[in-house]
Amino acid sequence: MMRKYTDVSVDPGTNTSTGDEELGMPTPPPAAANANALRHDCVAAMGELLGTFFFLYFAFTATQSALFRKTADENGTTILDNQTILYISFSFGISLLTTAWVFFRVSGAAFNPAVSFSLWLIGGLSGRRFFMVVPAQLVGAIAAAGLAKATSIGPLNVANGTADGVSDGQALSIELLTTMLLCFTVLMCAAEKSKSTFLAPVVIGLAVFVGHLASVGINPARTLGPAVINLSFPSNSWAYYVGQMTGAIVASVLYVIFKHLDYSKVVAGIDSSSGDASQDISAAPLLKVIGYPSWNTLKDPASDRFSRTIITQNGNTVFVGALGKEAA
């Protein structure tokens, strides 16, 4: 008689399975569990390839549209005004927001080798999944750049490059800081689960928007894709890749430090929707300064809702309710 095994419960990216003991089902043998984990890794890689492609294709084509017929200086560098920079930044941010919200239940929607590296460093991705999704992201970026060039007028003008007067050290620092912001945003808003996790694509899209206001790459796949299609690899390209990956490391270290220090207890209840977690101001210094009477709130046990407030002043107690104030 053949034994039927249900799918293994696997933590996202970690390949750690819980089995089916909790459901009263037999635990799949190691071979079956590994096969399921490998299948999940393949699905994640497919999601990262497609997601990275769609994210960067729409961002690249929007950038091509913004740069069409823009003037250039004597060195051939396109001159950007503030409106163009804002348009390009918004294009990258909104493109990531849209595609991430579509794919984040499929693959986690990293679309960025630096982000995936950061997730691997904190244990959010298994080594096998990391080495499967990163090549998928790079292929998706190259395909996006190629199709953007094929469907746009003129040359592909979305390659990363430093402007005149910007040193390699400055480029590296900007890439490090902006990529660190992006990776830390992903770790705190997506990898760290809370009631607002479903809004992570919005916050991550805003982080990309802010990063591109500084005219950065912020993504090794985004930097590599246009370089491959244009067959152009400037001598200072290393500043982008080193800065981006270093930013991922710094974000991961910062995240681990906060976790080690048990940061969630510092502002306990900040993510709670319960009235019990509301700020207690009965001992607020401001109340003492303005001479407001001490007060506290009572709950109605029957409805478990705050029903009335007791105010004590000069030894007299009054009840303040919906209908006004009444002496006790």
C-alpha atoms as a PDB file:
ATOM      1  CA  MET A   1       0.000   0.000   0.000  1.00  0.00           C
ATOM      2  CA  MET A   2       1.385   3.361  -1.001  1.00  0.00           C
ATOM      3  CA  ARG A   3       1.736   6.001   1.728  1.00  0.00           C
ATOM      4  CA  LYS A   4       0.687   9.504   0.814  1.00  0.00           C
ATOM      5  CA  TYR A   5       2.667  12.356   2.310  1.00  0.00           C
ATOM      6  CA  THR A   6       1.422  15.883   2.515  1.00  0.00           C
ATOM      7  CA  ASP A   7       3.681  18.767   1.658  1.00  0.00           C
ATOM      8  CA  VAL A   8       6.269  19.683   4.244  1.00  0.00           C
ATOM      9  CA  SER A   9       5.952  22.950   6.112  1.00  0.00           C
ATOM     10  CA  VAL A  10       9.082  24.810   5.137  1.00  0.00           C
ATOM     11  CA  ASP A  11      10.155  28.188   6.479  1.00  0.00           C
ATOM     12  CA  PRO A  12      10.650  30.688   3.626  1.00  0.00           C
ATOM     13  CA  GLY A  13      14.087  30.153   2.184  1.00  0.00           C
ATOM     14  CA  THR A  14      15.573  28.265   5.124  1.00  0.00           C
ATOM     15  CA  ASN A  15      14.543  24.777   3.976  1.00  0.00           C
ATOM     16  CA  THR A  16      13.832  23.836   7.596  1.00  0.00           C
ATOM     17  CA  SER A  17      10.800  21.563   7.695  1.00  0.00           C
ATOM     18  CA  THR A  18       8.470  20.889  10.590  1.00  0.00           C
ATOM     19  CA  GLY A  19       6.926  17.747   9.178  1.00  0.00           C
ATOM     20  CA  ASP A  20       3.281  16.811   9.627  1.00  0.00           C
ATOM     21  CA  GLU A  21       3.329  15.549  13.202  1.00  0.00           C
ATOM     22  CA  GLU A  22       1.200  18.487  14.332  1.00  0.00           C
ATOM     23  CA  LEU A  23      -1.456  17.495  11.798  1.00  0.00           C
ATOM     24  CA  GLY A  24      -1.374  13.859  12.827  1.00  0.00           C
ATOM     25  CA  MET A  25       0.307  12.870   9.572  1.00  0.00           C
ATOM     26  CA  PRO A  26       3.526  10.879   9.213  1.00  0.00           C
ATOM     27  CA  THR A  27       6.657  12.911   8.656  1.00  0.00           C
ATOM     28  CA  PRO A  28       7.932  12.596   5.067  1.00  0.00           C
ATOM     29  CA  PRO A  29      11.236  10.781   4.715  1.00  0.00           C
ATOM     30  CA  PRO A  30      14.320  12.993   4.285  1.00  0.00           C
ATOM     31  CA  ALA A  31      14.408  12.365   0.540  1.00  0.00           C
ATOM     32  CA  ALA A  32      10.821  13.571   0.088  1.00  0.00           C
ATOM     33  CA  ALA A  33      11.397  16.602   2.312  1.00  0.00           C
ATOM     34  CA  ASN A  34      14.525  17.506   0.362  1.00  0.00           C
ATOM     35  CA  ALA A  35      12.681  17.114  -2.936  1.00  0.00           C
ATOM     36  CA  ASN A  36       9.952  19.460  -1.719  1.00  0.00           C
ATOM     37  CA  ALA A  37      12.533  21.997  -0.549  1.00  0.00           C
ATOM     38  CA  LEU A  38      14.324  21.811  -3.902  1.00  0.00           C
ATOM     39  CA  ARG A  39      11.039  22.335  -5.704  1.00  0.00           C
ATOM     40  CA  HIS A  40      10.372  25.393  -3.570  1.00  0.00           C
ATOM     41  CA  ASP A  41      13.850  26.732  -4.358  1.00  0.00           C
ATOM     42  CA  CYS A  42      13.199  26.300  -8.081  1.00  0.00           C
ATOM     43  CA  VAL A  43       9.881  28.146  -7.785  1.00  0.00           C
ATOM     44  CA  ALA A  44      11.633  30.934  -5.861  1.00  0.00           C
ATOM     45  CA  ALA A  45      14.318  31.203  -8.545  1.00  0.00           C
ATOM     46  CA  MET A  46      11.659  31.373 -11.252  1.00  0.00           C
ATOM     47  CA  GLY A  47       9.808  34.066  -9.319  1.00  0.00           C
ATOM     48  CA  GLU A  48      13.012  36.080  -8.875  1.00  0.00           C
ATOM     49  CA  LEU A  49      13.848  35.838 -12.578  1.00  0.00           C
ATOM     50  CA  LEU A  50      10.401  36.998 -13.677  1.00  0.00           C
ATOM     51  CA  GLY A  51      10.054  39.603 -10.943  1.00  0.00           C
ATOM     52  CA  THR A  52      13.484  41.106 -11.580  1.00  0.00           C
ATOM     53  CA  PHE A  53      12.762  41.195 -15.301  1.00  0.00           C
ATOM     54  CA  PHE A  54       9.434  43.000 -14.947  1.00  0.00           C
ATOM     55  CA  PHE A  55      10.732  45.375 -12.275  1.00  0.00           C
ATOM     56  CA  LEU A  56      13.766  46.480 -14.274  1.00  0.00           C
ATOM     57  CA  TYR A  57      12.147  46.410 -17.714  1.00  0.00           C
ATOM     58  CA  PHE A  58       9.483  48.934 -16.750  1.00  0.00           C
ATOM     59  CA  ALA A  59      12.003  51.008 -14.789  1.00  0.00           C
ATOM     60  CA  PHE A  60      14.459  50.979 -17.706  1.00  0.00           C
ATOM     61  CA  THR A  61      11.865  51.903 -20.317  1.00  0.00           C
ATOM     62  CA  ALA A  62      10.574  54.735 -18.134  1.00  0.00           C
ATOM     63  CA  THR A  63      14.151  55.977 -17.759  1.00  0.00           C
ATOM     64  CA  GLN A  64      14.670  55.760 -21.516  1.00  0.00           C
ATOM     65  CA  SER A  65      11.546  57.845 -21.995  1.00  0.00           C
ATOM     66  CA  ALA A  66      12.752  60.420 -19.465  1.00  0.00           C
ATOM     67  CA  LEU A  67      16.175  60.696 -21.123  1.00  0.00           C
ATOM     68  CA  PHE A  68      14.921  60.826 -24.702  1.00  0.00           C
ATOM     69  CA  ARG A  69      16.336  63.905 -26.467  1.00  0.00           C
ATOM     70  CA  LYS A  70      17.984  65.179 -23.316  1.00  0.00           C
ATOM     71  CA  THR A  71      21.000  67.381 -23.971  1.00  0.00           C
ATOM     72  CA  ALA A  72      24.541  66.217 -23.224  1.00  0.00           C
ATOM     73  CA  ASP A  73      27.733  68.031 -22.347  1.00  0.00           C
ATOM     74  CA  GLU A  74      30.966  68.002 -24.346  1.00  0.00           C
ATOM     75  CA  ASN A  75      31.894  64.623 -22.817  1.00  0.00           C
ATOM     76  CA  GLY A  76      28.660  63.020 -23.921  1.00  0.00           C
ATOM     77  CA  THR A  77      27.215  62.895 -20.387  1.00  0.00           C
ATOM     78  CA  THR A  78      23.467  63.436 -20.283  1.00  0.00           C
ATOM     79  CA  ILE A  79      22.485  66.482 -18.260  1.00  0.00           C
ATOM     80  CA  LEU A  80      19.657  65.778 -15.813  1.00  0.00           C
ATOM     81  CA  ASP A  81      17.403  68.341 -14.211  1.00  0.00           C
ATOM     82  CA  ASN A  82      15.561  67.842 -10.946  1.00  0.00           C
ATOM     83  CA  GLN A  83      12.306  66.906 -12.633  1.00  0.00           C
ATOM     84  CA  THR A  84      14.001  64.146 -14.618  1.00  0.00           C
ATOM     85  CA  ILE A  85      15.737  62.766 -11.533  1.00  0.00           C
ATOM     86  CA  LEU A  86      12.435  62.742  -9.673  1.00  0.00           C
ATOM     87  CA  TYR A  87      10.691  61.018 -12.588  1.00  0.00           C
ATOM     88  CA  ILE A  88      13.354  58.306 -12.820  1.00  0.00           C
ATOM     89  CA  SER A  89      13.365  57.763  -9.057  1.00  0.00           C
ATOM     90  CA  PHE A  90       9.601  57.438  -9.000  1.00  0.00           C
ATOM     91  CA  SER A  91       9.733  55.007 -11.926  1.00  0.00           C
ATOM     92  CA  PHE A  92      12.108  52.658 -10.116  1.00  0.00           C
ATOM     93  CA  GLY A  93      10.218  52.935  -6.838  1.00  0.00           C
ATOM     94  CA  ILE A  94       6.725  52.366  -8.225  1.00  0.00           C
ATOM     95  CA  SER A  95       7.925  49.579 -10.536  1.00  0.00           C
ATOM     96  CA  LEU A  96       9.462  47.739  -7.591  1.00  0.00           C
ATOM     97  CA  LEU A  97       6.396  48.355  -5.417  1.00  0.00           C
ATOM     98  CA  THR A  98       4.099  46.835  -8.054  1.00  0.00           C
ATOM     99  CA  THR A  99       6.185  43.808  -8.964  1.00  0.00           C
ATOM    100  CA  ALA A 100       7.200  43.096  -5.364  1.00  0.00           C
ATOM    101  CA  TRP A 101       3.581  43.076  -4.241  1.00  0.00           C
ATOM    102  CA  VAL A 102       2.836  40.570  -7.022  1.00  0.00           C
ATOM    103  CA  PHE A 103       5.754  38.223  -6.372  1.00  0.00           C
ATOM    104  CA  PHE A 104       6.543  38.531  -2.659  1.00  0.00           C
ATOM    105  CA  ARG A 105       4.387  35.501  -1.826  1.00  0.00           C
ATOM    106  CA  VAL A 106       6.133  33.499  -4.548  1.00  0.00           C
ATOM    107  CA  SER A 107       9.808  34.192  -3.947  1.00  0.00           C
ATOM    108  CA  GLY A 108      10.087  36.913  -1.316  1.00  0.00           C
ATOM    109  CA  ALA A 109      10.575  39.515  -4.074  1.00  0.00           C
ATOM    110  CA  ALA A 110      14.203  40.445  -3.420  1.00  0.00           C
ATOM    111  CA  PHE A 111      15.016  41.193  -7.096  1.00  0.00           C
ATOM    112  CA  ASN A 112      18.455  42.234  -5.892  1.00  0.00           C
ATOM    113  CA  PRO A 113      21.574  40.115  -5.163  1.00  0.00           C
ATOM    114  CA  ALA A 114      22.562  42.506  -2.362  1.00  0.00           C
ATOM    115  CA  VAL A 115      19.197  42.008  -0.651  1.00  0.00           C
ATOM    116  CA  SER A 116      19.424  38.231  -1.106  1.00  0.00           C
ATOM    117  CA  PHE A 117      22.944  38.303   0.320  1.00  0.00           C
ATOM    118  CA  SER A 118      21.686  40.233   3.331  1.00  0.00           C
ATOM    119  CA  LEU A 119      18.872  37.716   3.863  1.00  0.00           C
ATOM    120  CA  TRP A 120      21.346  34.846   3.640  1.00  0.00           C
ATOM    121  CA  LEU A 121      23.623  36.485   6.194  1.00  0.00           C
ATOM    122  CA  ILE A 122      20.842  36.604   8.799  1.00  0.00           C
ATOM    123  CA  GLY A 123      19.652  33.065   8.044  1.00  0.00           C
ATOM    124  CA  GLY A 124      16.588  34.081   6.060  1.00  0.00           C
ATOM    125  CA  LEU A 125      17.748  32.169   2.989  1.00  0.00           C
ATOM    126  CA  SER A 126      19.397  28.793   2.746  1.00  0.00           C
ATOM    127  CA  GLY A 127      22.711  28.616   0.934  1.00  0.00           C
ATOM    128  CA  ARG A 128      21.167  26.588  -1.882  1.00  0.00           C
ATOM    129  CA  ARG A 129      18.334  29.036  -2.453  1.00  0.00           C
ATOM    130  CA  PHE A 130      20.748  31.966  -2.353  1.00  0.00           C
ATOM    131  CA  PHE A 131      22.917  30.434  -5.066  1.00  0.00           C
ATOM    132  CA  MET A 132      19.811  29.716  -7.149  1.00  0.00           C
ATOM    133  CA  VAL A 133      18.058  33.074  -6.934  1.00  0.00           C
ATOM    134  CA  VAL A 134      21.089  35.315  -7.505  1.00  0.00           C
ATOM    135  CA  PRO A 135      21.861  33.958 -11.022  1.00  0.00           C
ATOM    136  CA  ALA A 136      18.129  34.198 -11.765  1.00  0.00           C
ATOM    137  CA  GLN A 137      18.151  37.864 -10.745  1.00  0.00           C
ATOM    138  CA  LEU A 138      21.178  38.584 -12.931  1.00  0.00           C
ATOM    139  CA  VAL A 139      19.631  36.841 -15.941  1.00  0.00           C
ATOM    140  CA  GLY A 140      16.373  38.728 -15.400  1.00  0.00           C
ATOM    141  CA  ALA A 141      18.245  42.037 -15.278  1.00  0.00           C
ATOM    142  CA  ILE A 142      20.191  41.316 -18.475  1.00  0.00           C
ATOM    143  CA  ALA A 143      16.993  40.269 -20.259  1.00  0.00           C
ATOM    144  CA  ALA A 144      15.221  43.422 -19.048  1.00  0.00           C
ATOM    145  CA  ALA A 145      18.032  45.652 -20.311  1.00  0.00           C
ATOM    146  CA  GLY A 146      18.086  43.846 -23.653  1.00  0.00           C
ATOM    147  CA  LEU A 147      14.357  44.159 -24.213  1.00  0.00           C
ATOM    148  CA  ALA A 148      14.374  47.786 -23.031  1.00  0.00           C
ATOM    149  CA  LYS A 149      17.001  48.563 -25.670  1.00  0.00           C
ATOM    150  CA  ALA A 150      15.038  46.699 -28.344  1.00  0.00           C
ATOM    151  CA  THR A 151      11.789  48.513 -27.567  1.00  0.00           C
ATOM    152  CA  SER A 152      13.250  52.000 -27.117  1.00  0.00           C
ATOM    153  CA  ILE A 153      14.460  54.652 -29.539  1.00  0.00           C
ATOM    154  CA  GLY A 154      18.174  55.306 -29.552  1.00  0.00           C
ATOM    155  CA  PRO A 155      20.928  53.790 -27.421  1.00  0.00           C
ATOM    156  CA  LEU A 156      20.396  52.264 -24.002  1.00  0.00           C
ATOM    157  CA  ASN A 157      21.082  55.143 -21.604  1.00  0.00           C
ATOM    158  CA  VAL A 158      20.300  53.475 -18.290  1.00  0.00           C
ATOM    159  CA  ALA A 159      23.803  52.243 -17.419  1.00  0.00           C
ATOM    160  CA  ASN A 160      25.277  53.292 -14.095  1.00  0.00           C
ATOM    161  CA  GLY A 161      28.181  55.718 -14.273  1.00  0.00           C
ATOM    162  CA  THR A 162      29.745  58.469 -12.227  1.00  0.00           C
ATOM    163  CA  ALA A 163      29.408  62.097 -13.208  1.00  0.00           C
ATOM    164  CA  ASP A 164      32.409  64.336 -13.750  1.00  0.00           C
ATOM    165  CA  GLY A 165      34.035  65.271 -10.475  1.00  0.00           C
ATOM    166  CA  VAL A 166      32.660  62.283  -8.532  1.00  0.00           C
ATOM    167  CA  SER A 167      35.496  60.157  -7.166  1.00  0.00           C
ATOM    168  CA  ASP A 168      35.424  56.388  -6.839  1.00  0.00           C
ATOM    169  CA  GLY A 169      35.372  56.750  -3.079  1.00  0.00           C
ATOM    170  CA  GLN A 170      32.331  59.006  -3.209  1.00  0.00           C
ATOM    171  CA  ALA A 171      30.530  56.596  -5.538  1.00  0.00           C
ATOM    172  CA  LEU A 172      31.339  53.679  -3.246  1.00  0.00           C
ATOM    173  CA  SER A 173      30.104  55.565  -0.176  1.00  0.00           C
ATOM    174  CA  ILE A 174      26.819  56.553  -1.807  1.00  0.00           C
ATOM    175  CA  GLU A 175      26.202  53.001  -2.997  1.00  0.00           C
ATOM    176  CA  LEU A 176      27.043  51.636   0.449  1.00  0.00           C
ATOM    177  CA  LEU A 177      24.675  53.957   2.305  1.00  0.00           C
ATOM    178  CA  THR A 178      21.733  53.693  -0.072  1.00  0.00           C
ATOM    179  CA  THR A 179      22.011  49.900  -0.377  1.00  0.00           C
ATOM    180  CA  MET A 180      22.317  49.642   3.391  1.00  0.00           C
ATOM    181  CA  LEU A 181      19.072  51.615   3.722  1.00  0.00           C
ATOM    182  CA  LEU A 182      17.324  49.328   1.242  1.00  0.00           C
ATOM    183  CA  CYS A 183      18.570  46.090   2.822  1.00  0.00           C
ATOM    184  CA  PHE A 184      17.798  47.247   6.355  1.00  0.00           C
ATOM    185  CA  THR A 185      14.308  48.232   5.221  1.00  0.00           C
ATOM    186  CA  VAL A 186      13.786  44.733   3.809  1.00  0.00           C
ATOM    187  CA  LEU A 187      15.072  43.092   6.994  1.00  0.00           C
ATOM    188  CA  MET A 188      12.963  45.189   9.356  1.00  0.00           C
ATOM    189  CA  CYS A 189       9.767  45.375   7.307  1.00  0.00           C
ATOM    190  CA  ALA A 190       9.699  42.046   5.439  1.00  0.00           C
ATOM    191  CA  ALA A 191      11.989  39.532   7.136  1.00  0.00           C
ATOM    192  CA  GLU A 192      10.860  40.771  10.567  1.00  0.00           C
ATOM    193  CA  LYS A 193       7.203  39.760  10.759  1.00  0.00           C
ATOM    194  CA  SER A 194       4.582  42.110  12.148  1.00  0.00           C
ATOM    195  CA  LYS A 195       1.016  43.169  11.499  1.00  0.00           C
ATOM    196  CA  SER A 196       2.250  45.568   8.828  1.00  0.00           C
ATOM    197  CA  THR A 197       4.381  43.025   6.921  1.00  0.00           C
ATOM    198  CA  PHE A 198       1.885  42.967   4.069  1.00  0.00           C
ATOM    199  CA  LEU A 199       2.768  46.634   3.448  1.00  0.00           C
ATOM    200  CA  ALA A 200       6.482  45.855   3.096  1.00  0.00           C
ATOM    201  CA  PRO A 201       6.458  46.320  -0.714  1.00  0.00           C
ATOM    202  CA  VAL A 202       5.287  49.909  -0.224  1.00  0.00           C
ATOM    203  CA  VAL A 203       8.053  50.787   2.220  1.00  0.00           C
ATOM    204  CA  ILE A 204      10.696  48.981   0.144  1.00  0.00           C
ATOM    205  CA  GLY A 205       9.529  50.809  -2.967  1.00  0.00           C
ATOM    206  CA  LEU A 206       9.907  54.090  -1.086  1.00  0.00           C
ATOM    207  CA  ALA A 207      13.439  53.078  -0.060  1.00  0.00           C
ATOM    208  CA  VAL A 208      14.303  52.493  -3.722  1.00  0.00           C
ATOM    209  CA  PHE A 209      12.726  55.845  -4.609  1.00  0.00           C
ATOM    210  CA  VAL A 210      14.824  57.638  -1.979  1.00  0.00           C
ATOM    211  CA  GLY A 211      17.973  55.828  -3.084  1.00  0.00           C
ATOM    212  CA  HIS A 212      17.534  56.786  -6.716  1.00  0.00           C
ATOM    213  CA  LEU A 213      17.185  60.433  -5.787  1.00  0.00           C
ATOM    214  CA  ALA A 214      20.937  60.143  -5.219  1.00  0.00           C
ATOM    215  CA  SER A 215      21.309  58.685  -8.758  1.00  0.00           C
ATOM    216  CA  VAL A 216      22.577  55.321  -7.587  1.00  0.00           C
ATOM    217  CA  GLY A 217      22.553  51.713  -8.720  1.00  0.00           C
ATOM    218  CA  ILE A 218      21.563  50.213  -5.338  1.00  0.00           C
ATOM    219  CA  ASN A 219      21.312  46.803  -7.034  1.00  0.00           C
ATOM    220  CA  PRO A 220      24.128  44.698  -8.562  1.00  0.00           C
ATOM    221  CA  ALA A 221      21.696  43.177 -11.075  1.00  0.00           C
ATOM    222  CA  ARG A 222      20.496  46.619 -12.143  1.00  0.00           C
ATOM    223  CA  THR A 223      24.139  47.704 -12.592  1.00  0.00           C
ATOM    224  CA  LEU A 224      25.194  44.577 -14.487  1.00  0.00           C
ATOM    225  CA  GLY A 225      22.266  44.282 -16.911  1.00  0.00           C
ATOM    226  CA  PRO A 226      22.837  47.446 -18.987  1.00  0.00           C
ATOM    227  CA  ALA A 227      26.626  46.956 -18.828  1.00  0.00           C
ATOM    228  CA  VAL A 228      26.292  43.531 -20.461  1.00  0.00           C
ATOM    229  CA  ILE A 229      23.893  44.745 -23.169  1.00  0.00           C
ATOM    230  CA  ASN A 230      26.066  47.774 -23.949  1.00  0.00           C
ATOM    231  CA  LEU A 231      29.273  45.705 -23.639  1.00  0.00           C
ATOM    232  CA  SER A 232      30.624  48.546 -21.524  1.00  0.00           C
ATOM    233  CA  PHE A 233      32.422  47.923 -18.242  1.00  0.00           C
ATOM    234  CA  PRO A 234      34.001  51.157 -16.943  1.00  0.00           C
ATOM    235  CA  SER A 235      37.115  50.852 -14.832  1.00  0.00           C
ATOM    236  CA  ASN A 236      35.307  52.228 -11.772  1.00  0.00           C
ATOM    237  CA  SER A 237      32.445  49.707 -11.918  1.00  0.00           C
ATOM    238  CA  TRP A 238      33.957  47.990  -8.893  1.00  0.00           C
ATOM    239  CA  ALA A 239      32.833  50.929  -6.741  1.00  0.00           C
ATOM    240  CA  TYR A 240      29.206  50.046  -7.442  1.00  0.00           C
ATOM    241  CA  TYR A 241      29.463  46.329  -6.720  1.00  0.00           C
ATOM    242  CA  VAL A 242      31.712  46.686  -3.671  1.00  0.00           C
ATOM    243  CA  GLY A 243      29.582  49.485  -2.248  1.00  0.00           C
ATOM    244  CA  GLN A 244      26.341  47.572  -2.770  1.00  0.00           C
ATOM    245  CA  MET A 245      27.536  44.319  -1.224  1.00  0.00           C
ATOM    246  CA  THR A 246      29.222  46.134   1.660  1.00  0.00           C
ATOM    247  CA  GLY A 247      25.975  47.983   2.318  1.00  0.00           C
ATOM    248  CA  ALA A 248      24.209  44.615   2.547  1.00  0.00           C
ATOM    249  CA  ILE A 249      26.761  43.420   5.113  1.00  0.00           C
ATOM    250  CA  VAL A 250      26.425  46.564   7.237  1.00  0.00           C
ATOM    251  CA  ALA A 251      22.611  46.302   7.192  1.00  0.00           C
ATOM    252  CA  SER A 252      22.786  42.652   8.260  1.00  0.00           C
ATOM    253  CA  VAL A 253      25.195  43.413  11.105  1.00  0.00           C
ATOM    254  CA  LEU A 254      22.971  46.240  12.305  1.00  0.00           C
ATOM    255  CA  TYR A 255      19.909  43.984  12.182  1.00  0.00           C
ATOM    256  CA  VAL A 256      21.625  41.193  14.134  1.00  0.00           C
ATOM    257  CA  ILE A 257      22.797  43.680  16.775  1.00  0.00           C
ATOM    258  CA  PHE A 258      19.263  44.995  17.254  1.00  0.00           C
ATOM    259  CA  LYS A 259      17.913  41.438  17.469  1.00  0.00           C
ATOM    260  CA  HIS A 260      20.606  40.470  19.973  1.00  0.00           C
ATOM    261  CA  LEU A 261      19.669  43.468  22.115  1.00  0.00           C
ATOM    262  CA  ASP A 262      16.000  42.389  21.955  1.00  0.00           C
ATOM    263  CA  TYR A 263      14.908  45.675  20.392  1.00  0.00           C
ATOM    264  CA  SER A 264      11.234  44.655  20.287  1.00  0.00           C
ATOM    265  CA  LYS A 265      10.975  45.143  24.071  1.00  0.00           C
ATOM    266  CA  VAL A 266      12.248  48.730  23.924  1.00  0.00           C
ATOM    267  CA  VAL A 267       8.949  50.094  22.627  1.00  0.00           C
ATOM    268  CA  ALA A 268       6.740  47.188  23.661  1.00  0.00           C
ATOM    269  CA  GLY A 269       3.283  47.120  22.116  1.00  0.00           C
ATOM    270  CA  ILE A 270       4.152  49.503  19.289  1.00  0.00           C
ATOM    271  CA  ASP A 271       2.681  47.054  16.787  1.00  0.00           C
ATOM    272  CA  SER A 272      -0.391  46.226  18.874  1.00  0.00           C
ATOM    273  CA  SER A 273      -3.908  47.202  17.870  1.00  0.00           C
ATOM    274  CA  SER A 274      -5.225  46.630  21.385  1.00  0.00           C
ATOM    275  CA  GLY A 275      -6.229  49.531  23.577  1.00  0.00           C
ATOM    276  CA  ASP A 276      -4.288  47.921  26.419  1.00  0.00           C
ATOM    277  CA  ALA A 277      -1.063  48.862  24.633  1.00  0.00           C
ATOM    278  CA  SER A 278      -1.966  52.539  24.404  1.00  0.00           C
ATOM    279  CA  GLN A 279       0.390  55.013  26.043  1.00  0.00           C
ATOM    280  CA  ASP A 280      -0.310  55.543  29.749  1.00  0.00           C
ATOM    281  CA  ILE A 281       0.016  59.271  30.486  1.00  0.00           C
ATOM    282  CA  SER A 282      -1.124  59.205  34.108  1.00  0.00           C
ATOM    283  CA  ALA A 283       2.456  59.943  35.221  1.00  0.00           C
ATOM    284  CA  ALA A 284       3.333  62.246  32.341  1.00  0.00           C
ATOM    285  CA  PRO A 285       5.553  65.181  33.417  1.00  0.00           C
ATOM    286  CA  LEU A 286       3.465  67.512  31.283  1.00  0.00           C
ATOM    287  CA  LEU A 287       0.372  66.806  33.387  1.00  0.00           C
ATOM    288  CA  LYS A 288       2.272  67.884  36.486  1.00  0.00           C
ATOM    289  CA  VAL A 289       3.466  71.054  34.778  1.00  0.00           C
ATOM    290  CA  ILE A 290      -0.004  72.183  33.739  1.00  0.00           C
ATOM    291  CA  GLY A 291      -1.532  71.072  37.054  1.00  0.00           C
ATOM    292  CA  TYR A 292      -3.967  68.628  35.499  1.00  0.00           C
ATOM    293  CA  PRO A 293      -5.548  66.215  38.033  1.00  0.00           C
ATOM    294  CA  SER A 294      -4.368  62.637  38.225  1.00  0.00           C
ATOM    295  CA  TRP A 295      -6.550  60.272  36.315  1.00  0.00           C
ATOM    296  CA  ASN A 296      -6.906  56.689  35.210  1.00  0.00           C
ATOM    297  CA  THR A 297      -9.177  54.702  32.997  1.00  0.00           C
ATOM    298  CA  LEU A 298     -11.399  51.817  34.020  1.00  0.00           C
ATOM    299  CA  LYS A 299     -12.601  48.989  31.850  1.00  0.00           C
ATOM    300  CA  ASP A 300     -16.099  47.663  31.655  1.00  0.00           C
ATOM    301  CA  PRO A 301     -15.562  43.917  32.333  1.00  0.00           C
ATOM    302  CA  ALA A 302     -18.700  42.983  30.430  1.00  0.00           C
ATOM    303  CA  SER A 303     -17.757  44.659  27.190  1.00  0.00           C
ATOM    304  CA  ASP A 304     -13.970  44.735  27.701  1.00  0.00           C
ATOM    305  CA  ARG A 305     -14.032  48.330  26.521  1.00  0.00           C
ATOM    306  CA  PHE A 306     -12.993  51.544  28.181  1.00  0.00           C
ATOM    307  CA  SER A 307     -16.262  52.818  29.580  1.00  0.00           C
ATOM    308  CA  ARG A 308     -15.441  55.740  31.871  1.00  0.00           C
ATOM    309  CA  THR A 309     -12.633  57.813  33.298  1.00  0.00           C
ATOM    310  CA  ILE A 310     -12.179  58.558  36.994  1.00  0.00           C
ATOM    311  CA  ILE A 311     -10.663  61.941  37.798  1.00  0.00           C
ATOM    312  CA  THR A 312      -9.473  62.665  41.308  1.00  0.00           C
ATOM    313  CA  GLN A 313      -8.856  66.267  42.414  1.00  0.00           C
ATOM    314  CA  ASN A 314      -8.498  67.676  45.927  1.00  0.00           C
ATOM    315  CA  GLY A 315      -9.742  64.449  47.415  1.00  0.00           C
ATOM    316  CA  ASN A 316     -13.000  64.576  45.430  1.00  0.00           C
ATOM    317  CA  THR A 317     -13.802  61.998  42.785  1.00  0.00           C
ATOM    318  CA  VAL A 318     -15.872  62.812  39.734  1.00  0.00           C
ATOM    319  CA  PHE A 319     -16.922  60.586  36.851  1.00  0.00           C
ATOM    320  CA  VAL A 320     -16.472  61.869  33.337  1.00  0.00           C
ATOM    321  CA  GLY A 321     -18.569  60.061  30.783  1.00  0.00           C
ATOM    322  CA  ALA A 322     -20.264  60.623  27.470  1.00  0.00           C
ATOM    323  CA  LEU A 323     -22.923  62.842  29.061  1.00  0.00           C
ATOM    324  CA  GLY A 324     -20.546  65.106  30.934  1.00  0.00           C
ATOM    325  CA  LYS A 325     -19.305  65.386  34.543  1.00  0.00           C
ATOM    326  CA  GLU A 326     -21.124  64.202  37.630  1.00  0.00           C
ATOM    327  CA  ALA A 327     -20.063  64.404  41.271  1.00  0.00           C
ATOM    328  CA  ALA A 328     -19.515  61.062  42.976  1.00  0.00           C
END
